[in-house]
Each structure stands twice: as C-alpha cells, then as structure tokens.
PDB file of N, CA and C in Angstrom:
ATOM      1  N   MET A   1      80.408 113.211 114.884  1.00  0.00           N
ATOM      2  CA  MET A   1      80.654 112.896 113.481  1.00  0.00           C
ATOM      3  C   MET A   1      79.991 111.570 113.139  1.00  0.00           C
ATOM      4  N   ASN A   2      79.428 111.528 111.969  1.00  0.00           N
ATOM      5  CA  ASN A   2      78.832 110.272 111.574  1.00  0.00           C
ATOM      6  C   ASN A   2      79.852 109.431 110.794  1.00  0.00           C
ATOM      7  N   LYS A   3      79.486 108.221 110.560  1.00  0.00           N
ATOM      8  CA  LYS A   3      80.394 107.241 109.967  1.00  0.00           C
ATOM      9  C   LYS A   3      80.832 107.632 108.555  1.00  0.00           C
ATOM     10  N   GLU A   4      79.942 108.194 107.759  1.00  0.00           N
ATOM     11  CA  GLU A   4      80.277 108.560 106.385  1.00  0.00           C
ATOM     12  C   GLU A   4      81.334 109.666 106.324  1.00  0.00           C
ATOM     13  N   LYS A   5      81.237 110.638 107.235  1.00  0.00           N
ATOM     14  CA  LYS A   5      82.216 111.717 107.263  1.00  0.00           C
ATOM     15  C   LYS A   5      83.597 111.202 107.662  1.00  0.00           C
ATOM     16  N   ILE A   6      83.622 110.271 108.590  1.00  0.00           N
ATOM     17  CA  ILE A   6      84.902 109.687 109.015  1.00  0.00           C
ATOM     18  C   ILE A   6      85.527 108.907 107.867  1.00  0.00           C
ATOM     19  N   ILE A   7      84.736 108.113 107.163  1.00  0.00           N
ATOM     20  CA  ILE A   7      85.245 107.342 106.028  1.00  0.00           C
ATOM     21  C   ILE A   7      85.722 108.283 104.922  1.00  0.00           C
ATOM     22  N   GLU A   8      84.979 109.342 104.657  1.00  0.00           N
ATOM     23  CA  GLU A   8      85.380 110.311 103.638  1.00  0.00           C
ATOM     24  C   GLU A   8      86.682 111.003 104.024  1.00  0.00           C
ATOM     25  N   PHE A   9      86.810 111.368 105.299  1.00  0.00           N
ATOM     26  CA  PHE A   9      88.041 112.008 105.768  1.00  0.00           C
ATOM     27  C   PHE A   9      89.223 111.061 105.634  1.00  0.00           C
ATOM     28  N   TYR A  10      89.015 109.791 105.997  1.00  0.00           N
ATOM     29  CA  TYR A  10      90.109 108.815 105.901  1.00  0.00           C
ATOM     30  C   TYR A  10      90.514 108.592 104.450  1.00  0.00           C
ATOM     31  N   THR A  11      89.551 108.453 103.545  1.00  0.00           N
ATOM     32  CA  THR A  11      89.899 108.209 102.149  1.00  0.00           C
ATOM     33  C   THR A  11      90.595 109.404 101.512  1.00  0.00           C
ATOM     34  N   SER A  12      90.289 110.611 101.952  1.00  0.00           N
ATOM     35  CA  SER A  12      90.953 111.777 101.377  1.00  0.00           C
ATOM     36  C   SER A  12      92.324 112.034 102.002  1.00  0.00           C
ATOM     37  N   HIS A  13      92.595 111.489 103.187  1.00  0.00           N
ATOM     38  CA  HIS A  13      93.876 111.687 103.876  1.00  0.00           C
ATOM     39  C   HIS A  13      94.504 110.350 104.283  1.00  0.00           C
ATOM     40  N   ARG A  14      94.363 109.347 103.447  1.00  0.00           N
ATOM     41  CA  ARG A  14      94.832 107.998 103.781  1.00  0.00           C
ATOM     42  C   ARG A  14      96.330 107.948 104.043  1.00  0.00           C
ATOM     43  N   GLY A  15      97.125 108.558 103.174  1.00  0.00           N
ATOM     44  CA  GLY A  15      98.578 108.520 103.331  1.00  0.00           C
ATOM     45  C   GLY A  15      99.055 109.179 104.607  1.00  0.00           C
ATOM     46  N   GLU A  16      98.488 110.336 104.913  1.00  0.00           N
ATOM     47  CA  GLU A  16      98.904 111.052 106.121  1.00  0.00           C
ATOM     48  C   GLU A  16      98.537 110.277 107.387  1.00  0.00           C
ATOM     49  N   ILE A  17      97.345 109.704 107.401  1.00  0.00           N
ATOM     50  CA  ILE A  17      96.895 108.965 108.585  1.00  0.00           C
ATOM     51  C   ILE A  17      97.719 107.698 108.774  1.00  0.00           C
ATOM     52  N   ASN A  18      97.939 106.947 107.693  1.00  0.00           N
ATOM     53  CA  ASN A  18      98.731 105.728 107.799  1.00  0.00           C
ATOM     54  C   ASN A  18     100.179 106.035 108.171  1.00  0.00           C
ATOM     55  N   GLY A  19     100.746 107.094 107.599  1.00  0.00           N
ATOM     56  CA  GLY A  19     102.119 107.475 107.940  1.00  0.00           C
ATOM     57  C   GLY A  19     102.255 107.874 109.396  1.00  0.00           C
ATOM     58  N   ALA A  20     101.284 108.629 109.898  1.00  0.00           N
ATOM     59  CA  ALA A  20     101.319 109.025 111.305  1.00  0.00           C
ATOM     60  C   ALA A  20     101.170 107.822 112.224  1.00  0.00           C
ATOM     61  N   ALA A  21     100.318 106.873 111.849  1.00  0.00           N
ATOM     62  CA  ALA A  21     100.128 105.668 112.668  1.00  0.00           C
ATOM     63  C   ALA A  21     101.391 104.817 112.686  1.00  0.00           C
ATOM     64  N   ILE A  22     102.027 104.672 111.537  1.00  0.00           N
ATOM     65  CA  ILE A  22     103.277 103.900 111.481  1.00  0.00           C
ATOM     66  C   ILE A  22     104.367 104.592 112.291  1.00  0.00           C
ATOM     67  N   GLY A  23     104.460 105.923 112.179  1.00  0.00           N
ATOM     68  CA  GLY A  23     105.437 106.671 112.973  1.00  0.00           C
ATOM     69  C   GLY A  23     105.198 106.534 114.462  1.00  0.00           C
ATOM     70  N   LEU A  24     103.936 106.549 114.858  1.00  0.00           N
ATOM     71  CA  LEU A  24     103.601 106.380 116.272  1.00  0.00           C
ATOM     72  C   LEU A  24     104.004 104.993 116.765  1.00  0.00           C
ATOM     73  N   VAL A  25     103.729 103.977 115.987  1.00  0.00           N
ATOM     74  CA  VAL A  25     104.093 102.613 116.384  1.00  0.00           C
ATOM     75  C   VAL A  25     105.612 102.472 116.492  1.00  0.00           C
ATOM     76  N   ILE A  26     106.345 103.023 115.538  1.00  0.00           N
ATOM     77  CA  ILE A  26     107.810 102.946 115.593  1.00  0.00           C
ATOM     78  C   ILE A  26     108.344 103.708 116.802  1.00  0.00           C
ATOM     79  N   ALA A  27     107.813 104.894 117.055  1.00  0.00           N
ATOM     80  CA  ALA A  27     108.270 105.682 118.202  1.00  0.00           C
ATOM     81  C   ALA A  27     107.989 104.965 119.519  1.00  0.00           C
ATOM     82  N   LEU A  28     106.800 104.409 119.658  1.00  0.00           N
ATOM     83  CA  LEU A  28     106.478 103.676 120.887  1.00  0.00           C
ATOM     84  C   LEU A  28     107.343 102.440 121.047  1.00  0.00           C
ATOM     85  N   THR A  29     107.636 101.758 119.956  1.00  0.00           N
ATOM     86  CA  THR A  29     108.497 100.576 120.017  1.00  0.00           C
ATOM     87  C   THR A  29     109.889 100.951 120.483  1.00  0.00           C
ATOM     88  N   VAL A  30     110.437 102.033 119.951  1.00  0.00           N
ATOM     89  CA  VAL A  30     111.774 102.477 120.367  1.00  0.00           C
ATOM     90  C   VAL A  30     111.768 102.922 121.822  1.00  0.00           C
ATOM     91  N   LEU A  31     110.723 103.627 122.244  1.00  0.00           N
ATOM     92  CA  LEU A  31     110.665 104.078 123.635  1.00  0.00           C
ATOM     93  C   LEU A  31     110.507 102.918 124.612  1.00  0.00           C
ATOM     94  N   ILE A  32     109.726 101.917 124.232  1.00  0.00           N
ATOM     95  CA  ILE A  32     109.474 100.800 125.143  1.00  0.00           C
ATOM     96  C   ILE A  32     110.648  99.825 125.176  1.00  0.00           C
ATOM     97  N   PHE A  33     111.146  99.448 123.997  1.00  0.00           N
ATOM     98  CA  PHE A  33     112.170  98.397 123.928  1.00  0.00           C
ATOM     99  C   PHE A  33     113.584  98.926 123.795  1.00  0.00           C
ATOM    100  N   GLY A  34     113.779 100.092 123.245  1.00  0.00           N
ATOM    101  CA  GLY A  34     115.106 100.604 122.943  1.00  0.00           C
ATOM    102  C   GLY A  34     115.392 100.430 121.459  1.00  0.00           C
ATOM    103  N   VAL A  35     116.454 101.077 121.012  1.00  0.00           N
ATOM    104  CA  VAL A  35     116.750 101.112 119.583  1.00  0.00           C
ATOM    105  C   VAL A  35     117.140  99.741 119.049  1.00  0.00           C
ATOM    106  N   LEU A  36     118.051  99.060 119.719  1.00  0.00           N
ATOM    107  CA  LEU A  36     118.532  97.773 119.201  1.00  0.00           C
ATOM    108  C   LEU A  36     117.433  96.710 119.210  1.00  0.00           C
ATOM    109  N   LYS A  37     116.640  96.678 120.247  1.00  0.00           N
ATOM    110  CA  LYS A  37     115.551  95.702 120.289  1.00  0.00           C
ATOM    111  C   LYS A  37     114.491  96.021 119.234  1.00  0.00           C
ATOM    112  N   ALA A  38     114.249  97.314 119.013  1.00  0.00           N
ATOM    113  CA  ALA A  38     113.284  97.704 117.982  1.00  0.00           C
ATOM    114  C   ALA A  38     113.798  97.313 116.595  1.00  0.00           C
ATOM    115  N   LEU A  39     115.099  97.490 116.359  1.00  0.00           N
ATOM    116  CA  LEU A  39     115.674  97.058 115.081  1.00  0.00           C
ATOM    117  C   LEU A  39     115.601  95.551 114.918  1.00  0.00           C
ATOM    118  N   PHE A  40     115.808  94.805 116.014  1.00  0.00           N
ATOM    119  CA  PHE A  40     115.698  93.354 115.955  1.00  0.00           C
ATOM    120  C   PHE A  40     114.267  92.930 115.623  1.00  0.00           C
ATOM    121  N   VAL A  41     113.290  93.584 116.233  1.00  0.00           N
ATOM    122  CA  VAL A  41     111.883  93.277 115.938  1.00  0.00           C
ATOM    123  C   VAL A  41     111.573  93.587 114.476  1.00  0.00           C
ATOM    124  N   ALA A  42     112.068  94.728 113.973  1.00  0.00           N
ATOM    125  CA  ALA A  42     111.841  95.093 112.573  1.00  0.00           C
ATOM    126  C   ALA A  42     112.508  94.084 111.640  1.00  0.00           C
ATOM    127  N   PHE A  43     113.695  93.609 112.003  1.00  0.00           N
ATOM    128  CA  PHE A  43     114.395  92.602 111.210  1.00  0.00           C
ATOM    129  C   PHE A  43     113.596  91.295 111.169  1.00  0.00           C
ATOM    130  N   CYS A  44     113.089  90.867 112.316  1.00  0.00           N
ATOM    131  CA  CYS A  44     112.286  89.636 112.367  1.00  0.00           C
ATOM    132  C   CYS A  44     110.998  89.766 111.577  1.00  0.00           C
ATOM    133  N   VAL A  45     110.374  90.933 111.632  1.00  0.00           N
ATOM    134  CA  VAL A  45     109.165  91.169 110.851  1.00  0.00           C
ATOM    135  C   VAL A  45     109.487  91.103 109.362  1.00  0.00           C
ATOM    136  N   GLY A  46     110.603  91.676 108.958  1.00  0.00           N
ATOM    137  CA  GLY A  46     111.022  91.632 107.556  1.00  0.00           C
ATOM    138  C   GLY A  46     111.284  90.215 107.075  1.00  0.00           C
ATOM    139  N   ILE A  47     111.972  89.423 107.889  1.00  0.00           N
ATOM    140  CA  ILE A  47     112.236  88.025 107.541  1.00  0.00           C
ATOM    141  C   ILE A  47     110.921  87.247 107.453  1.00  0.00           C
ATOM    142  N   GLY A  48     110.031  87.479 108.401  1.00  0.00           N
ATOM    143  CA  GLY A  48     108.730  86.805 108.374  1.00  0.00           C
ATOM    144  C   GLY A  48     107.920  87.172 107.151  1.00  0.00           C
ATOM    145  N   TYR A  49     107.955  88.448 106.781  1.00  0.00           N
ATOM    146  CA  TYR A  49     107.254  88.895 105.577  1.00  0.00           C
ATOM    147  C   TYR A  49     107.832  88.220 104.344  1.00  0.00           C
ATOM    148  N   TYR A  50     109.153  88.167 104.246  1.00  0.00           N
ATOM    149  CA  TYR A  50     109.812  87.560 103.088  1.00  0.00           C
ATOM    150  C   TYR A  50     109.457  86.087 102.957  1.00  0.00           C
ATOM    151  N   ILE A  51     109.539  85.353 104.058  1.00  0.00           N
ATOM    152  CA  ILE A  51     109.221  83.921 104.023  1.00  0.00           C
ATOM    153  C   ILE A  51     107.739  83.712 103.728  1.00  0.00           C
ATOM    154  N   GLY A  52     106.877  84.521 104.321  1.00  0.00           N
ATOM    155  CA  GLY A  52     105.446  84.406 104.058  1.00  0.00           C
ATOM    156  C   GLY A  52     105.101  84.696 102.612  1.00  0.00           C
ATOM    157  N   LYS A  53     105.752  85.692 102.031  1.00  0.00           N
ATOM    158  CA  LYS A  53     105.515  86.015 100.624  1.00  0.00           C
ATOM    159  C   LYS A  53     105.971  84.873  99.731  1.00  0.00           C
ATOM    160  N   ARG A  54     107.118  84.310 100.029  1.00  0.00           N
ATOM    161  CA  ARG A  54     107.617  83.182  99.236  1.00  0.00           C
ATOM    162  C   ARG A  54     106.714  81.968  99.368  1.00  0.00           C
ATOM    163  N   LEU A  55     106.194  81.721 100.573  1.00  0.00           N
ATOM    164  CA  LEU A  55     105.301  80.588 100.776  1.00  0.00           C
ATOM    165  C   LEU A  55     103.990  80.766 100.025  1.00  0.00           C
ATOM    166  N   SER A  56     103.504  81.986  99.937  1.00  0.00           N
ATOM    167  CA  SER A  56     102.258  82.198  99.204  1.00  0.00           C
ATOM    168  C   SER A  56     102.471  82.047  97.701  1.00  0.00           C
ATOM    169  N   GLU A  57     103.685  82.310  97.214  1.00  0.00           N
ATOM    170  CA  GLU A  57     103.988  82.141  95.795  1.00  0.00           C
ATOM    171  C   GLU A  57     104.296  80.687  95.454  1.00  0.00           C
ATOM    172  N   ASP A  58     105.033  79.994  96.329  1.00  0.00           N
ATOM    173  CA  ASP A  58     105.479  78.628  96.063  1.00  0.00           C
ATOM    174  C   ASP A  58     105.264  77.802  97.325  1.00  0.00           C
ATOM    175  N   LYS A  59     104.353  76.850  97.272  1.00  0.00           N
ATOM    176  CA  LYS A  59     104.011  76.053  98.459  1.00  0.00           C
ATOM    177  C   LYS A  59     105.167  75.158  98.919  1.00  0.00           C
ATOM    178  N   ASP A  60     106.084  74.802  98.032  1.00  0.00           N
ATOM    179  CA  ASP A  60     107.211  73.944  98.396  1.00  0.00           C
ATOM    180  C   ASP A  60     108.466  74.732  98.752  1.00  0.00           C
ATOM    181  N   TYR A  61     108.344  76.043  98.927  1.00  0.00           N
ATOM    182  CA  TYR A  61     109.506  76.877  99.204  1.00  0.00           C
ATOM    183  C   TYR A  61     110.193  76.475 100.499  1.00  0.00           C
ATOM    184  N   LEU A  62     109.417  76.238 101.558  1.00  0.00           N
ATOM    185  CA  LEU A  62     110.008  75.898 102.848  1.00  0.00           C
ATOM    186  C   LEU A  62     110.731  74.555 102.787  1.00  0.00           C
ATOM    187  N   LYS A  63     110.141  73.578 102.103  1.00  0.00           N
ATOM    188  CA  LYS A  63     110.811  72.275 101.945  1.00  0.00           C
ATOM    189  C   LYS A  63     112.101  72.427 101.154  1.00  0.00           C
ATOM    190  N   ASN A  64     112.070  73.213 100.079  1.00  0.00           N
ATOM    191  CA  ASN A  64     113.279  73.426  99.286  1.00  0.00           C
ATOM    192  C   ASN A  64     114.336  74.170 100.086  1.00  0.00           C
ATOM    193  N   LEU A  65     113.925  75.138 100.887  1.00  0.00           N
ATOM    194  CA  LEU A  65     114.866  75.873 101.723  1.00  0.00           C
ATOM    195  C   LEU A  65     115.514  74.948 102.751  1.00  0.00           C
ATOM    196  N   LEU A  66     114.702  74.113 103.390  1.00  0.00           N
ATOM    197  CA  LEU A  66     115.256  73.178 104.374  1.00  0.00           C
ATOM    198  C   LEU A  66     116.156  72.141 103.718  1.00  0.00           C
ATOM    199  N   ASP A  67     115.851  71.733 102.491  1.00  0.00           N
ATOM    200  CA  ASP A  67     116.729  70.800 101.778  1.00  0.00           C
ATOM    201  C   ASP A  67     118.072  71.440 101.452  1.00  0.00           C
ATOM    202  N   ARG A  68     118.086  72.751 101.201  1.00  0.00           N
ATOM    203  CA  ARG A  68     119.354  73.426 100.936  1.00  0.00           C
ATOM    204  C   ARG A  68     120.171  73.605 102.211  1.00  0.00           C
ATOM    205  N   VAL A  69     119.498  73.816 103.349  1.00  0.00           N
ATOM    206  CA  VAL A  69     120.210  74.069 104.606  1.00  0.00           C
ATOM    207  C   VAL A  69     120.585  72.759 105.293  1.00  0.00           C
ATOM    208  N   LEU A  70     119.653  71.835 105.359  1.00  0.00           N
ATOM    209  CA  LEU A  70     119.865  70.547 106.020  1.00  0.00           C
ATOM    210  C   LEU A  70     120.233  69.488 104.988  1.00  0.00           C
ATOM    211  N   PRO A  71     120.608  68.297 105.430  1.00  0.00           N
ATOM    212  CA  PRO A  71     120.904  67.238 104.461  1.00  0.00           C
ATOM    213  C   PRO A  71     119.695  66.967 103.567  1.00  0.00           C
ATOM    214  N   PRO A  72     119.919  66.761 102.275  1.00  0.00           N
ATOM    215  CA  PRO A  72     118.801  66.550 101.337  1.00  0.00           C
ATOM    216  C   PRO A  72     117.952  65.336 101.707  1.00  0.00           C
ATOM    217  N   GLY A  73     116.658  65.457 101.487  1.00  0.00           N
ATOM    218  CA  GLY A  73     115.737  64.353 101.730  1.00  0.00           C
ATOM    219  C   GLY A  73     115.211  64.265 103.136  1.00  0.00           C
ATOM    220  N   THR A  74     115.631  65.127 104.025  1.00  0.00           N
ATOM    221  CA  THR A  74     115.194  65.061 105.415  1.00  0.00           C
ATOM    222  C   THR A  74     113.695  65.331 105.545  1.00  0.00           C
ATOM    223  N   TYR A  75     113.180  66.247 104.748  1.00  0.00           N
ATOM    224  CA  TYR A  75     111.763  66.645 104.855  1.00  0.00           C
ATOM    225  C   TYR A  75     110.948  66.215 103.658  1.00  0.00           C
ATOM    226  N   ARG A  76     111.345  65.229 102.920  1.00  0.00           N
ATOM    227  CA  ARG A  76     110.564  64.740 101.764  1.00  0.00           C
ATOM    228  C   ARG A  76     110.108  63.337 101.988  1.00  0.00           C
TER     229      ARG A  76
END
C-alpha cells in the first residue's frame, strides 16, 4: 500500500481507528496493572489534563491555587 491510500483509509475511518486504539490501550493497561491501578492512572491523567488546561487559559492559575491551599503570599 502506498502512503496516499493509507491516509485516505485513515481519514475515512478515523473514529473507528481511534476508538480501537484507545480500547486497546485501556485493555492493555488493565491487563498489565489491574483494574484499580488502571483507574488510578486514568484519574491522574484526568487531573493532569484539568490543571494543564487551566494553566494554558490562565498563567497565574497555579499561583492562585497554591495561595488558596497554602498560606497566602507564600508563592508571590
């Protein structure tokens, strides 16, 4: 198969291919680590995504978060 046919196949079946890849990664994670460890990894990824998204929207988000958790003025 040449490169153009592969790209055309991927663009026409993008959802199915991405869904199968995500399912494979989740299945392998559960088989390798177990259910609870896989859920913990998914939880950490979710928290990381949330904090990363907030940081890209507001550069002072982490400082404001630390000021709310720790005594005010510690990181300013």
